Amino acid sequence: MRQIRIKAPGGLENIAVDDAEEASNPGPGEITVRIHASSLNFHDYLVASQQGATADGRIPMADGAGVVEAIGESVSEFRVGDHVVSCFFPDWQDGDGRPSDFSRTPGDGIDGYARERVTVPASWFTQAPVGWSHEEAATITTAGLTAWRALVMDGQIKPGDTVAVLGTGGVSIYALQLAKAIGATVIATSSSDEKLERLKPLGADHVINYRKTPEWGAEMQRLTDGRGVDHIVEVGGPATMAQSIIAGRTGAHIALIGVLTGTGGEIPTAHLMARQQRLQGLIVGSRKHQKDMVRALDVMGIRPVIDKSFDFTALAEAFRYQESGAHFGKICLTI
């Protein structure tokens, strides 16, 4: 079978296609999955683009979607032919034993899904939403589940709430779609007027160009008649956090899911404290969270926004397209 490996010392120029032995037959509790798609996330980009970010020969990509080809003894949750999608933290099944690093994340600490077949424990996958393409299903593992956990599991979003989403990446667009499906009002930001116009048909009630309106936190206060927003899906980190805190109402929930602008910086802690806001960091979610999300997606009627798909042998080209920032929504790989 074909697979992708990142050769030492790393970097996009060291992504290579090679041949490997077919996946082994599944043992007890295992399944063999023919992987048909993956999708790109900022985490995957960091692993692939930075020298020394992962072990020599690592198979990248955390997201994998495909079809069950064989099942091992004692597997009852899946049947041959089921469409399935991988879990970001395969060992975090449920409960509060949340990981704090990526040592067991496919595509980072262990081999990922840029390959044609895998044989792994059945608990590393869940069912995919009914009727979704493999490319659509592959967007759930990281981006979809991050948005779901931020708003539904941690944020406890309710109909009538107001949600702020920053940018037009995969997590932000998923958060917009989920919030609208639940009955929330959404305020979205971008530096591109063209992208802001594309958010409106997806349900964005208000849009703000943050380059033209750098004090967008105050603008969100104005749009909510001074009350502030209930939930902020914060992807930027230090350069956007101050405005997110200003935008939030008293008691707002700020879900810190990204650090696109850096790993450290000043935070107006007095303002955060005075408004009694909750700032919560999170990394994706558990298998139970993913199963809950898939059940919800089966009835919500939303579908992910896919900007462009590449053949998985063109992974370096796909990462360079991601690097350009031209995409709107998810970039996928067809395997």
C-alpha atoms as a PDB file:
ATOM      1  CA  MET A   1       0.000   0.000   0.000  1.00  0.00           C
ATOM      2  CA  ARG A   2       1.001   3.658  -0.363  1.00  0.00           C
ATOM      3  CA  GLN A   3       1.661   5.938   2.548  1.00  0.00           C
ATOM      4  CA  ILE A   4       3.224   9.313   3.354  1.00  0.00           C
ATOM      5  CA  ARG A   5       6.159   9.761   5.705  1.00  0.00           C
ATOM      6  CA  ILE A   6       7.937  12.823   7.055  1.00  0.00           C
ATOM      7  CA  LYS A   7      11.649  12.220   6.725  1.00  0.00           C
ATOM      8  CA  ALA A   8      14.182  13.745   9.127  1.00  0.00           C
ATOM      9  CA  PRO A   9      14.794  16.551   9.815  1.00  0.00           C
ATOM     10  CA  GLY A  10      11.207  17.395   8.850  1.00  0.00           C
ATOM     11  CA  GLY A  11       9.678  20.254   6.895  1.00  0.00           C
ATOM     12  CA  LEU A  12       7.386  20.238   3.861  1.00  0.00           C
ATOM     13  CA  GLU A  13      10.290  19.478   1.520  1.00  0.00           C
ATOM     14  CA  ASN A  14      10.814  16.176   3.369  1.00  0.00           C
ATOM     15  CA  ILE A  15       7.301  14.803   2.902  1.00  0.00           C
ATOM     16  CA  ALA A  16       7.650  11.646   0.793  1.00  0.00           C
ATOM     17  CA  VAL A  17       5.424   8.926  -0.635  1.00  0.00           C
ATOM     18  CA  ASP A  18       6.595   5.374  -0.119  1.00  0.00           C
ATOM     19  CA  ASP A  19       5.343   1.815  -0.316  1.00  0.00           C
ATOM     20  CA  ALA A  20       4.639  -0.305   2.720  1.00  0.00           C
ATOM     21  CA  GLU A  21       3.340  -3.751   3.504  1.00  0.00           C
ATOM     22  CA  GLU A  22      -0.407  -4.046   3.663  1.00  0.00           C
ATOM     23  CA  ALA A  23      -2.022  -3.578   7.060  1.00  0.00           C
ATOM     24  CA  SER A  24      -2.092  -6.733   9.151  1.00  0.00           C
ATOM     25  CA  ASN A  25      -5.254  -8.726   9.676  1.00  0.00           C
ATOM     26  CA  PRO A  26      -7.239  -7.511  12.678  1.00  0.00           C
ATOM     27  CA  GLY A  27      -6.733  -9.274  15.964  1.00  0.00           C
ATOM     28  CA  PRO A  28      -9.192  -9.417  18.862  1.00  0.00           C
ATOM     29  CA  GLY A  29     -10.826  -6.019  19.380  1.00  0.00           C
ATOM     30  CA  GLU A  30      -9.328  -4.567  16.182  1.00  0.00           C
ATOM     31  CA  ILE A  31     -10.639  -3.404  12.821  1.00  0.00           C
ATOM     32  CA  THR A  32      -9.022  -2.840   9.435  1.00  0.00           C
ATOM     33  CA  VAL A  33     -10.108   0.395   7.765  1.00  0.00           C
ATOM     34  CA  ARG A  34      -9.526   1.400   4.156  1.00  0.00           C
ATOM     35  CA  ILE A  35      -8.775   5.108   4.593  1.00  0.00           C
ATOM     36  CA  HIS A  36     -10.381   7.220   1.857  1.00  0.00           C
ATOM     37  CA  ALA A  37      -9.889  10.777   3.152  1.00  0.00           C
ATOM     38  CA  SER A  38      -8.179  13.062   5.629  1.00  0.00           C
ATOM     39  CA  SER A  39      -8.347  16.802   6.277  1.00  0.00           C
ATOM     40  CA  LEU A  40      -5.762  19.431   7.126  1.00  0.00           C
ATOM     41  CA  ASN A  41      -5.597  21.188  10.475  1.00  0.00           C
ATOM     42  CA  PHE A  42      -3.179  23.758  11.874  1.00  0.00           C
ATOM     43  CA  HIS A  43      -1.803  21.082  14.185  1.00  0.00           C
ATOM     44  CA  ASP A  44      -0.975  18.841  11.210  1.00  0.00           C
ATOM     45  CA  TYR A  45       0.707  21.783   9.494  1.00  0.00           C
ATOM     46  CA  LEU A  46       2.915  22.486  12.518  1.00  0.00           C
ATOM     47  CA  VAL A  47       3.980  18.841  12.748  1.00  0.00           C
ATOM     48  CA  ALA A  48       4.790  18.663   9.036  1.00  0.00           C
ATOM     49  CA  SER A  49       6.390  22.070   8.530  1.00  0.00           C
ATOM     50  CA  GLN A  50       8.638  22.461  11.561  1.00  0.00           C
ATOM     51  CA  GLN A  51      11.966  20.682  11.618  1.00  0.00           C
ATOM     52  CA  GLY A  52      12.304  18.266  14.505  1.00  0.00           C
ATOM     53  CA  ALA A  53       8.577  18.379  15.322  1.00  0.00           C
ATOM     54  CA  THR A  54       8.126  14.621  15.103  1.00  0.00           C
ATOM     55  CA  ALA A  55      10.049  11.381  14.778  1.00  0.00           C
ATOM     56  CA  ASP A  56      11.841  10.433  11.560  1.00  0.00           C
ATOM     57  CA  GLY A  57       9.473   8.544   9.276  1.00  0.00           C
ATOM     58  CA  ARG A  58       6.283   9.616  11.018  1.00  0.00           C
ATOM     59  CA  ILE A  59       3.077   9.063   9.032  1.00  0.00           C
ATOM     60  CA  PRO A  60       1.205  12.388   9.379  1.00  0.00           C
ATOM     61  CA  MET A  61      -2.454  13.421   9.634  1.00  0.00           C
ATOM     62  CA  ALA A  62      -4.731  13.104  12.659  1.00  0.00           C
ATOM     63  CA  ASP A  63      -7.964  12.832  10.652  1.00  0.00           C
ATOM     64  CA  GLY A  64      -8.953   9.644   8.870  1.00  0.00           C
ATOM     65  CA  ALA A  65     -12.247   8.513   7.352  1.00  0.00           C
ATOM     66  CA  GLY A  66     -13.025   5.364   5.424  1.00  0.00           C
ATOM     67  CA  VAL A  67     -14.695   1.958   5.316  1.00  0.00           C
ATOM     68  CA  VAL A  68     -14.335  -1.026   7.642  1.00  0.00           C
ATOM     69  CA  GLU A  69     -12.884  -3.904   5.606  1.00  0.00           C
ATOM     70  CA  ALA A  70     -12.413  -6.518   8.337  1.00  0.00           C
ATOM     71  CA  ILE A  71     -13.205  -6.951  12.014  1.00  0.00           C
ATOM     72  CA  GLY A  72     -11.473  -8.973  14.666  1.00  0.00           C
ATOM     73  CA  GLU A  73     -12.881 -11.261  17.281  1.00  0.00           C
ATOM     74  CA  SER A  74     -15.123  -9.633  19.939  1.00  0.00           C
ATOM     75  CA  VAL A  75     -15.803  -6.486  17.866  1.00  0.00           C
ATOM     76  CA  SER A  76     -19.540  -5.805  18.031  1.00  0.00           C
ATOM     77  CA  GLU A  77     -19.797  -2.039  17.421  1.00  0.00           C
ATOM     78  CA  PHE A  78     -18.852  -2.181  13.740  1.00  0.00           C
ATOM     79  CA  ARG A  79     -19.634  -4.307  10.711  1.00  0.00           C
ATOM     80  CA  VAL A  80     -17.752  -4.742   7.456  1.00  0.00           C
ATOM     81  CA  GLY A  81     -18.814  -1.907   5.168  1.00  0.00           C
ATOM     82  CA  ASP A  82     -19.447   0.653   7.904  1.00  0.00           C
ATOM     83  CA  HIS A  83     -18.279   4.205   7.184  1.00  0.00           C
ATOM     84  CA  VAL A  84     -16.117   5.361  10.088  1.00  0.00           C
ATOM     85  CA  VAL A  85     -14.007   8.305  11.247  1.00  0.00           C
ATOM     86  CA  SER A  86     -10.962   8.394  13.524  1.00  0.00           C
ATOM     87  CA  CYS A  87     -10.575   9.892  17.003  1.00  0.00           C
ATOM     88  CA  PHE A  88      -7.978  12.594  17.772  1.00  0.00           C
ATOM     89  CA  PHE A  89      -7.182  11.150  21.210  1.00  0.00           C
ATOM     90  CA  PRO A  90      -7.685   7.395  20.714  1.00  0.00           C
ATOM     91  CA  ASP A  91      -7.000   6.622  24.385  1.00  0.00           C
ATOM     92  CA  TRP A  92      -9.442   9.248  25.751  1.00  0.00           C
ATOM     93  CA  GLN A  93     -12.662   7.327  25.566  1.00  0.00           C
ATOM     94  CA  ASP A  94     -14.794   9.170  28.138  1.00  0.00           C
ATOM     95  CA  GLY A  95     -14.639  10.947  31.463  1.00  0.00           C
ATOM     96  CA  ASP A  96     -12.182  13.496  32.787  1.00  0.00           C
ATOM     97  CA  GLY A  97      -8.904  11.766  31.965  1.00  0.00           C
ATOM     98  CA  ARG A  98      -8.154  14.372  29.308  1.00  0.00           C
ATOM     99  CA  PRO A  99      -4.682  14.341  27.722  1.00  0.00           C
ATOM    100  CA  SER A 100      -2.360  17.325  28.090  1.00  0.00           C
ATOM    101  CA  ASP A 101      -0.003  16.539  25.196  1.00  0.00           C
ATOM    102  CA  PHE A 102       0.049  14.914  21.754  1.00  0.00           C
ATOM    103  CA  SER A 103       2.166  11.871  22.560  1.00  0.00           C
ATOM    104  CA  ARG A 104      -0.713   9.566  21.610  1.00  0.00           C
ATOM    105  CA  THR A 105      -2.250  11.669  18.844  1.00  0.00           C
ATOM    106  CA  PRO A 106      -2.127  10.060  15.379  1.00  0.00           C
ATOM    107  CA  GLY A 107       0.094  12.020  13.023  1.00  0.00           C
ATOM    108  CA  ASP A 108       2.136  13.460  15.883  1.00  0.00           C
ATOM    109  CA  GLY A 109       3.203  11.151  18.708  1.00  0.00           C
ATOM    110  CA  ILE A 110       2.136   8.031  16.784  1.00  0.00           C
ATOM    111  CA  ASP A 111       1.560   7.272  13.106  1.00  0.00           C
ATOM    112  CA  GLY A 112      -1.461   8.904  11.499  1.00  0.00           C
ATOM    113  CA  TYR A 113      -3.782   8.385   8.550  1.00  0.00           C
ATOM    114  CA  ALA A 114      -1.889   9.493   5.431  1.00  0.00           C
ATOM    115  CA  ARG A 115      -1.969   5.895   4.217  1.00  0.00           C
ATOM    116  CA  GLU A 116      -4.363   3.567   2.472  1.00  0.00           C
ATOM    117  CA  ARG A 117      -5.141   1.104   5.269  1.00  0.00           C
ATOM    118  CA  VAL A 118      -4.797   0.777   9.022  1.00  0.00           C
ATOM    119  CA  THR A 119      -5.444  -1.990  11.512  1.00  0.00           C
ATOM    120  CA  VAL A 120      -6.084  -0.486  14.937  1.00  0.00           C
ATOM    121  CA  PRO A 121      -8.286  -1.031  18.000  1.00  0.00           C
ATOM    122  CA  ALA A 122     -11.954  -0.563  17.132  1.00  0.00           C
ATOM    123  CA  SER A 123     -12.162   2.070  19.882  1.00  0.00           C
ATOM    124  CA  TRP A 124      -9.967   4.390  17.790  1.00  0.00           C
ATOM    125  CA  PHE A 125     -12.892   5.075  15.427  1.00  0.00           C
ATOM    126  CA  THR A 126     -16.576   5.995  15.580  1.00  0.00           C
ATOM    127  CA  GLN A 127     -19.338   5.740  13.028  1.00  0.00           C
ATOM    128  CA  ALA A 128     -19.409   8.560  10.456  1.00  0.00           C
ATOM    129  CA  PRO A 129     -22.573  10.630   9.929  1.00  0.00           C
ATOM    130  CA  VAL A 130     -25.072   8.906   7.662  1.00  0.00           C
ATOM    131  CA  GLY A 131     -24.764   9.922   4.028  1.00  0.00           C
ATOM    132  CA  TRP A 132     -21.607  12.006   4.400  1.00  0.00           C
ATOM    133  CA  SER A 133     -18.751  11.646   1.935  1.00  0.00           C
ATOM    134  CA  HIS A 134     -15.431  10.430   3.308  1.00  0.00           C
ATOM    135  CA  GLU A 135     -13.961  13.924   2.839  1.00  0.00           C
ATOM    136  CA  GLU A 136     -16.845  15.432   4.817  1.00  0.00           C
ATOM    137  CA  ALA A 137     -16.503  12.847   7.590  1.00  0.00           C
ATOM    138  CA  ALA A 138     -12.747  13.443   7.862  1.00  0.00           C
ATOM    139  CA  THR A 139     -13.397  17.034   8.974  1.00  0.00           C
ATOM    140  CA  ILE A 140     -14.999  15.830  12.225  1.00  0.00           C
ATOM    141  CA  THR A 141     -11.957  14.358  13.999  1.00  0.00           C
ATOM    142  CA  THR A 142     -10.242  17.655  14.836  1.00  0.00           C
ATOM    143  CA  ALA A 143     -12.110  20.742  13.598  1.00  0.00           C
ATOM    144  CA  GLY A 144     -15.666  19.548  14.050  1.00  0.00           C
ATOM    145  CA  LEU A 145     -15.152  18.048  17.487  1.00  0.00           C
ATOM    146  CA  THR A 146     -13.258  21.105  18.713  1.00  0.00           C
ATOM    147  CA  ALA A 147     -16.201  23.351  17.810  1.00  0.00           C
ATOM    148  CA  TRP A 148     -18.679  20.877  19.317  1.00  0.00           C
ATOM    149  CA  ARG A 149     -16.846  20.643  22.615  1.00  0.00           C
ATOM    150  CA  ALA A 150     -16.276  24.404  22.826  1.00  0.00           C
ATOM    151  CA  LEU A 151     -19.945  25.276  22.375  1.00  0.00           C
ATOM    152  CA  VAL A 152     -21.967  22.246  23.439  1.00  0.00           C
ATOM    153  CA  MET A 153     -19.958  20.292  26.005  1.00  0.00           C
ATOM    154  CA  ASP A 154     -18.047  23.104  27.729  1.00  0.00           C
ATOM    155  CA  GLY A 155     -20.155  26.119  26.768  1.00  0.00           C
ATOM    156  CA  GLN A 156     -23.581  24.524  27.287  1.00  0.00           C
ATOM    157  CA  ILE A 157     -24.933  26.721  24.480  1.00  0.00           C
ATOM    158  CA  LYS A 158     -28.679  27.434  24.451  1.00  0.00           C
ATOM    159  CA  PRO A 159     -31.099  28.737  21.824  1.00  0.00           C
ATOM    160  CA  GLY A 160     -31.030  32.523  21.924  1.00  0.00           C
ATOM    161  CA  ASP A 161     -27.378  32.785  22.974  1.00  0.00           C
ATOM    162  CA  THR A 162     -24.966  34.968  21.008  1.00  0.00           C
ATOM    163  CA  VAL A 163     -21.745  33.414  19.700  1.00  0.00           C
ATOM    164  CA  ALA A 164     -18.634  35.126  18.306  1.00  0.00           C
ATOM    165  CA  VAL A 165     -16.485  33.172  15.842  1.00  0.00           C
ATOM    166  CA  LEU A 166     -13.108  34.457  14.662  1.00  0.00           C
ATOM    167  CA  GLY A 167     -11.935  33.874  11.100  1.00  0.00           C
ATOM    168  CA  THR A 168     -13.058  31.428   8.433  1.00  0.00           C
ATOM    169  CA  GLY A 169     -11.048  28.306   9.235  1.00  0.00           C
ATOM    170  CA  GLY A 170     -12.549  24.882   9.771  1.00  0.00           C
ATOM    171  CA  VAL A 171     -13.278  25.227  13.499  1.00  0.00           C
ATOM    172  CA  SER A 172     -14.816  28.687  13.166  1.00  0.00           C
ATOM    173  CA  ILE A 173     -17.143  27.696  10.325  1.00  0.00           C
ATOM    174  CA  TYR A 174     -18.176  24.523  12.157  1.00  0.00           C
ATOM    175  CA  ALA A 175     -18.899  26.664  15.247  1.00  0.00           C
ATOM    176  CA  LEU A 176     -21.011  29.022  13.138  1.00  0.00           C
ATOM    177  CA  GLN A 177     -23.030  26.161  11.675  1.00  0.00           C
ATOM    178  CA  LEU A 178     -23.513  24.384  14.998  1.00  0.00           C
ATOM    179  CA  ALA A 179     -24.533  27.598  16.754  1.00  0.00           C
ATOM    180  CA  LYS A 180     -27.116  28.418  14.094  1.00  0.00           C
ATOM    181  CA  ALA A 181     -28.505  24.868  14.171  1.00  0.00           C
ATOM    182  CA  ILE A 182     -29.003  25.235  17.930  1.00  0.00           C
ATOM    183  CA  GLY A 183     -30.736  28.603  17.531  1.00  0.00           C
ATOM    184  CA  ALA A 184     -28.014  31.095  18.457  1.00  0.00           C
ATOM    185  CA  THR A 185     -27.142  34.466  16.972  1.00  0.00           C
ATOM    186  CA  VAL A 186     -23.658  34.537  15.432  1.00  0.00           C
ATOM    187  CA  ILE A 187     -21.201  37.400  14.956  1.00  0.00           C
ATOM    188  CA  ALA A 188     -18.281  36.494  12.680  1.00  0.00           C
ATOM    189  CA  THR A 189     -14.986  38.222  11.958  1.00  0.00           C
ATOM    190  CA  SER A 190     -12.501  38.073   9.089  1.00  0.00           C
ATOM    191  CA  SER A 191      -9.943  40.340   7.446  1.00  0.00           C
ATOM    192  CA  SER A 192     -11.534  39.656   4.035  1.00  0.00           C
ATOM    193  CA  ASP A 193     -14.801  41.300   2.930  1.00  0.00           C
ATOM    194  CA  GLU A 194     -15.179  38.550   0.328  1.00  0.00           C
ATOM    195  CA  LYS A 195     -15.001  35.836   2.984  1.00  0.00           C
ATOM    196  CA  LEU A 196     -17.406  37.758   5.222  1.00  0.00           C
ATOM    197  CA  GLU A 197     -19.940  37.784   2.390  1.00  0.00           C
ATOM    198  CA  ARG A 198     -19.573  34.011   2.099  1.00  0.00           C
ATOM    199  CA  LEU A 199     -20.354  33.628   5.811  1.00  0.00           C
ATOM    200  CA  LYS A 200     -23.768  35.262   5.483  1.00  0.00           C
ATOM    201  CA  PRO A 201     -25.436  32.392   3.565  1.00  0.00           C
ATOM    202  CA  LEU A 202     -24.122  30.035   6.260  1.00  0.00           C
ATOM    203  CA  GLY A 203     -26.106  31.989   8.847  1.00  0.00           C
ATOM    204  CA  ALA A 204     -23.824  34.729  10.177  1.00  0.00           C
ATOM    205  CA  ASP A 205     -26.159  37.416  11.576  1.00  0.00           C
ATOM    206  CA  HIS A 206     -23.443  40.086  11.793  1.00  0.00           C
ATOM    207  CA  VAL A 207     -19.980  40.271  10.217  1.00  0.00           C
ATOM    208  CA  ILE A 208     -16.988  42.447  11.128  1.00  0.00           C
ATOM    209  CA  ASN A 209     -13.801  43.084   9.171  1.00  0.00           C
ATOM    210  CA  TYR A 210     -11.281  43.165  12.004  1.00  0.00           C
ATOM    211  CA  ARG A 211      -8.699  45.054   9.949  1.00  0.00           C
ATOM    212  CA  LYS A 212     -11.151  47.869   9.285  1.00  0.00           C
ATOM    213  CA  THR A 213     -12.553  47.645  12.825  1.00  0.00           C
ATOM    214  CA  PRO A 214      -9.609  46.777  15.099  1.00  0.00           C
ATOM    215  CA  GLU A 215     -11.737  47.493  18.202  1.00  0.00           C
ATOM    216  CA  TRP A 216     -14.130  44.719  17.225  1.00  0.00           C
ATOM    217  CA  GLY A 217     -14.837  43.834  20.844  1.00  0.00           C
ATOM    218  CA  ALA A 218     -16.566  47.178  21.315  1.00  0.00           C
ATOM    219  CA  GLU A 219     -18.414  46.657  18.030  1.00  0.00           C
ATOM    220  CA  MET A 220     -19.750  43.339  19.320  1.00  0.00           C
ATOM    221  CA  GLN A 221     -20.907  45.131  22.461  1.00  0.00           C
ATOM    222  CA  ARG A 222     -22.731  47.634  20.233  1.00  0.00           C
ATOM    223  CA  LEU A 223     -24.332  44.884  18.153  1.00  0.00           C
ATOM    224  CA  THR A 224     -25.675  43.265  21.334  1.00  0.00           C
ATOM    225  CA  ASP A 225     -26.968  46.578  22.771  1.00  0.00           C
ATOM    226  CA  GLY A 226     -24.205  46.626  25.368  1.00  0.00           C
ATOM    227  CA  ARG A 227     -24.927  43.180  26.778  1.00  0.00           C
ATOM    228  CA  GLY A 228     -22.004  41.379  25.134  1.00  0.00           C
ATOM    229  CA  VAL A 229     -21.750  37.927  23.610  1.00  0.00           C
ATOM    230  CA  ASP A 230     -22.280  34.695  25.530  1.00  0.00           C
ATOM    231  CA  HIS A 231     -19.637  32.530  23.857  1.00  0.00           C
ATOM    232  CA  ILE A 232     -16.401  33.373  22.051  1.00  0.00           C
ATOM    233  CA  VAL A 233     -14.600  30.682  20.045  1.00  0.00           C
ATOM    234  CA  GLU A 234     -11.112  32.126  20.415  1.00  0.00           C
ATOM    235  CA  VAL A 235      -8.646  30.885  17.788  1.00  0.00           C
ATOM    236  CA  GLY A 236      -6.085  33.697  17.770  1.00  0.00           C
ATOM    237  CA  GLY A 237      -4.574  33.717  21.247  1.00  0.00           C
ATOM    238  CA  PRO A 238      -2.609  36.668  22.606  1.00  0.00           C
ATOM    239  CA  ALA A 239      -3.283  39.186  19.814  1.00  0.00           C
ATOM    240  CA  THR A 240      -7.062  38.677  19.900  1.00  0.00           C
ATOM    241  CA  MET A 241      -7.730  37.748  23.522  1.00  0.00           C
ATOM    242  CA  ALA A 242      -8.154  41.318  24.785  1.00  0.00           C
ATOM    243  CA  GLN A 243     -10.864  42.029  22.216  1.00  0.00           C
ATOM    244  CA  SER A 244     -12.591  38.720  23.014  1.00  0.00           C
ATOM    245  CA  ILE A 245     -12.733  39.674  26.696  1.00  0.00           C
ATOM    246  CA  ILE A 246     -14.151  43.093  25.797  1.00  0.00           C
ATOM    247  CA  ALA A 247     -16.732  41.460  23.522  1.00  0.00           C
ATOM    248  CA  GLY A 248     -17.982  39.051  26.193  1.00  0.00           C
ATOM    249  CA  ARG A 249     -20.858  39.694  28.545  1.00  0.00           C
ATOM    250  CA  THR A 250     -20.573  39.363  32.291  1.00  0.00           C
ATOM    251  CA  GLY A 251     -20.162  35.625  32.844  1.00  0.00           C
ATOM    252  CA  ALA A 252     -19.257  34.905  29.205  1.00  0.00           C
ATOM    253  CA  HIS A 253     -17.536  31.671  28.197  1.00  0.00           C
ATOM    254  CA  ILE A 254     -14.325  32.101  26.166  1.00  0.00           C
ATOM    255  CA  ALA A 255     -13.141  28.841  24.605  1.00  0.00           C
ATOM    256  CA  LEU A 256      -9.417  29.102  23.828  1.00  0.00           C
ATOM    257  CA  ILE A 257      -8.936  26.603  21.021  1.00  0.00           C
ATOM    258  CA  GLY A 258      -6.012  28.110  19.108  1.00  0.00           C
ATOM    259  CA  VAL A 259      -2.885  30.214  19.366  1.00  0.00           C
ATOM    260  CA  LEU A 260      -2.521  31.412  15.786  1.00  0.00           C
ATOM    261  CA  THR A 261      -0.948  34.697  16.934  1.00  0.00           C
ATOM    262  CA  GLY A 262       1.576  33.175  19.345  1.00  0.00           C
ATOM    263  CA  THR A 263       1.949  31.247  22.565  1.00  0.00           C
ATOM    264  CA  GLY A 264       2.181  34.110  25.051  1.00  0.00           C
ATOM    265  CA  GLY A 265       1.132  37.700  25.573  1.00  0.00           C
ATOM    266  CA  GLU A 266      -0.655  40.172  27.806  1.00  0.00           C
ATOM    267  CA  ILE A 267      -4.217  39.462  28.928  1.00  0.00           C
ATOM    268  CA  PRO A 268      -6.388  42.132  30.606  1.00  0.00           C
ATOM    269  CA  THR A 269      -6.946  39.996  33.675  1.00  0.00           C
ATOM    270  CA  ALA A 270      -8.686  42.772  35.617  1.00  0.00           C
ATOM    271  CA  HIS A 271     -11.343  43.043  32.926  1.00  0.00           C
ATOM    272  CA  LEU A 272     -11.709  39.253  32.811  1.00  0.00           C
ATOM    273  CA  MET A 273     -12.119  39.160  36.581  1.00  0.00           C
ATOM    274  CA  ALA A 274     -14.496  42.119  36.774  1.00  0.00           C
ATOM    275  CA  ARG A 275     -16.794  40.532  34.226  1.00  0.00           C
ATOM    276  CA  GLN A 276     -16.457  37.141  35.929  1.00  0.00           C
ATOM    277  CA  GLN A 277     -15.823  35.483  32.586  1.00  0.00           C
ATOM    278  CA  ARG A 278     -14.704  31.902  32.155  1.00  0.00           C
ATOM    279  CA  LEU A 279     -11.591  31.409  30.002  1.00  0.00           C
ATOM    280  CA  GLN A 280     -11.195  27.730  29.202  1.00  0.00           C
ATOM    281  CA  GLY A 281      -8.514  26.084  27.117  1.00  0.00           C
ATOM    282  CA  LEU A 282      -9.378  22.894  25.300  1.00  0.00           C
ATOM    283  CA  ILE A 283      -7.895  20.412  22.848  1.00  0.00           C
ATOM    284  CA  VAL A 284     -10.471  18.578  20.716  1.00  0.00           C
ATOM    285  CA  GLY A 285     -12.402  15.990  22.790  1.00  0.00           C
ATOM    286  CA  SER A 286     -13.040  12.387  23.803  1.00  0.00           C
ATOM    287  CA  ARG A 287     -14.498   9.498  21.809  1.00  0.00           C
ATOM    288  CA  LYS A 288     -17.752   9.912  23.760  1.00  0.00           C
ATOM    289  CA  HIS A 289     -17.901  13.578  22.693  1.00  0.00           C
ATOM    290  CA  GLN A 290     -17.415  12.479  19.082  1.00  0.00           C
ATOM    291  CA  LYS A 291     -20.155   9.862  19.249  1.00  0.00           C
ATOM    292  CA  ASP A 292     -22.519  12.467  20.702  1.00  0.00           C
ATOM    293  CA  MET A 293     -21.609  14.894  17.912  1.00  0.00           C
ATOM    294  CA  VAL A 294     -22.171  12.328  15.167  1.00  0.00           C
ATOM    295  CA  ARG A 295     -25.629  11.545  16.535  1.00  0.00           C
ATOM    296  CA  ALA A 296     -26.416  15.257  16.542  1.00  0.00           C
ATOM    297  CA  LEU A 297     -25.132  15.749  13.004  1.00  0.00           C
ATOM    298  CA  ASP A 298     -27.415  12.965  11.805  1.00  0.00           C
ATOM    299  CA  VAL A 299     -30.419  15.114  12.717  1.00  0.00           C
ATOM    300  CA  MET A 300     -29.114  18.690  12.346  1.00  0.00           C
ATOM    301  CA  GLY A 301     -28.838  18.669   8.583  1.00  0.00           C
ATOM    302  CA  ILE A 302     -25.609  20.692   8.401  1.00  0.00           C
ATOM    303  CA  ARG A 303     -22.647  19.715   6.219  1.00  0.00           C
ATOM    304  CA  PRO A 304     -19.038  20.882   6.507  1.00  0.00           C
ATOM    305  CA  VAL A 305     -17.659  23.506   4.137  1.00  0.00           C
ATOM    306  CA  ILE A 306     -14.850  22.037   2.026  1.00  0.00           C
ATOM    307  CA  ASP A 307     -12.742  24.537   0.129  1.00  0.00           C
ATOM    308  CA  LYS A 308     -10.587  22.183  -1.917  1.00  0.00           C
ATOM    309  CA  SER A 309      -9.451  18.556  -2.058  1.00  0.00           C
ATOM    310  CA  PHE A 310      -5.989  17.279  -3.012  1.00  0.00           C
ATOM    311  CA  ASP A 311      -4.767  13.773  -3.741  1.00  0.00           C
ATOM    312  CA  PHE A 312      -2.925  12.629  -0.650  1.00  0.00           C
ATOM    313  CA  THR A 313       0.321  12.278  -2.620  1.00  0.00           C
ATOM    314  CA  ALA A 314       0.177  16.092  -3.040  1.00  0.00           C
ATOM    315  CA  LEU A 315       0.190  16.661   0.735  1.00  0.00           C
ATOM    316  CA  ALA A 316       3.035  19.203   0.632  1.00  0.00           C
ATOM    317  CA  GLU A 317       1.131  21.201  -2.002  1.00  0.00           C
ATOM    318  CA  ALA A 318      -1.999  21.053   0.164  1.00  0.00           C
ATOM    319  CA  PHE A 319      -0.053  22.383   3.169  1.00  0.00           C
ATOM    320  CA  ARG A 320       1.350  25.234   1.073  1.00  0.00           C
ATOM    321  CA  TYR A 321      -2.189  26.131   0.042  1.00  0.00           C
ATOM    322  CA  GLN A 322      -3.196  26.095   3.723  1.00  0.00           C
ATOM    323  CA  GLU A 323      -0.165  28.263   4.488  1.00  0.00           C
ATOM    324  CA  SER A 324      -1.348  30.877   1.976  1.00  0.00           C
ATOM    325  CA  GLY A 325      -4.524  31.529   3.979  1.00  0.00           C
ATOM    326  CA  ALA A 326      -6.623  31.591   0.810  1.00  0.00           C
ATOM    327  CA  HIS A 327      -8.922  28.765   1.890  1.00  0.00           C
ATOM    328  CA  PHE A 328     -12.444  29.132   3.262  1.00  0.00           C
ATOM    329  CA  GLY A 329     -13.367  26.164   5.424  1.00  0.00           C
ATOM    330  CA  LYS A 330     -11.606  22.822   5.241  1.00  0.00           C
ATOM    331  CA  ILE A 331      -8.897  21.469   2.948  1.00  0.00           C
ATOM    332  CA  CYS A 332      -9.189  17.720   2.390  1.00  0.00           C
ATOM    333  CA  LEU A 333      -7.099  14.852   1.088  1.00  0.00           C
ATOM    334  CA  THR A 334      -8.527  12.093  -1.075  1.00  0.00           C
ATOM    335  CA  ILE A 335      -6.786   8.775  -0.513  1.00  0.00           C
END
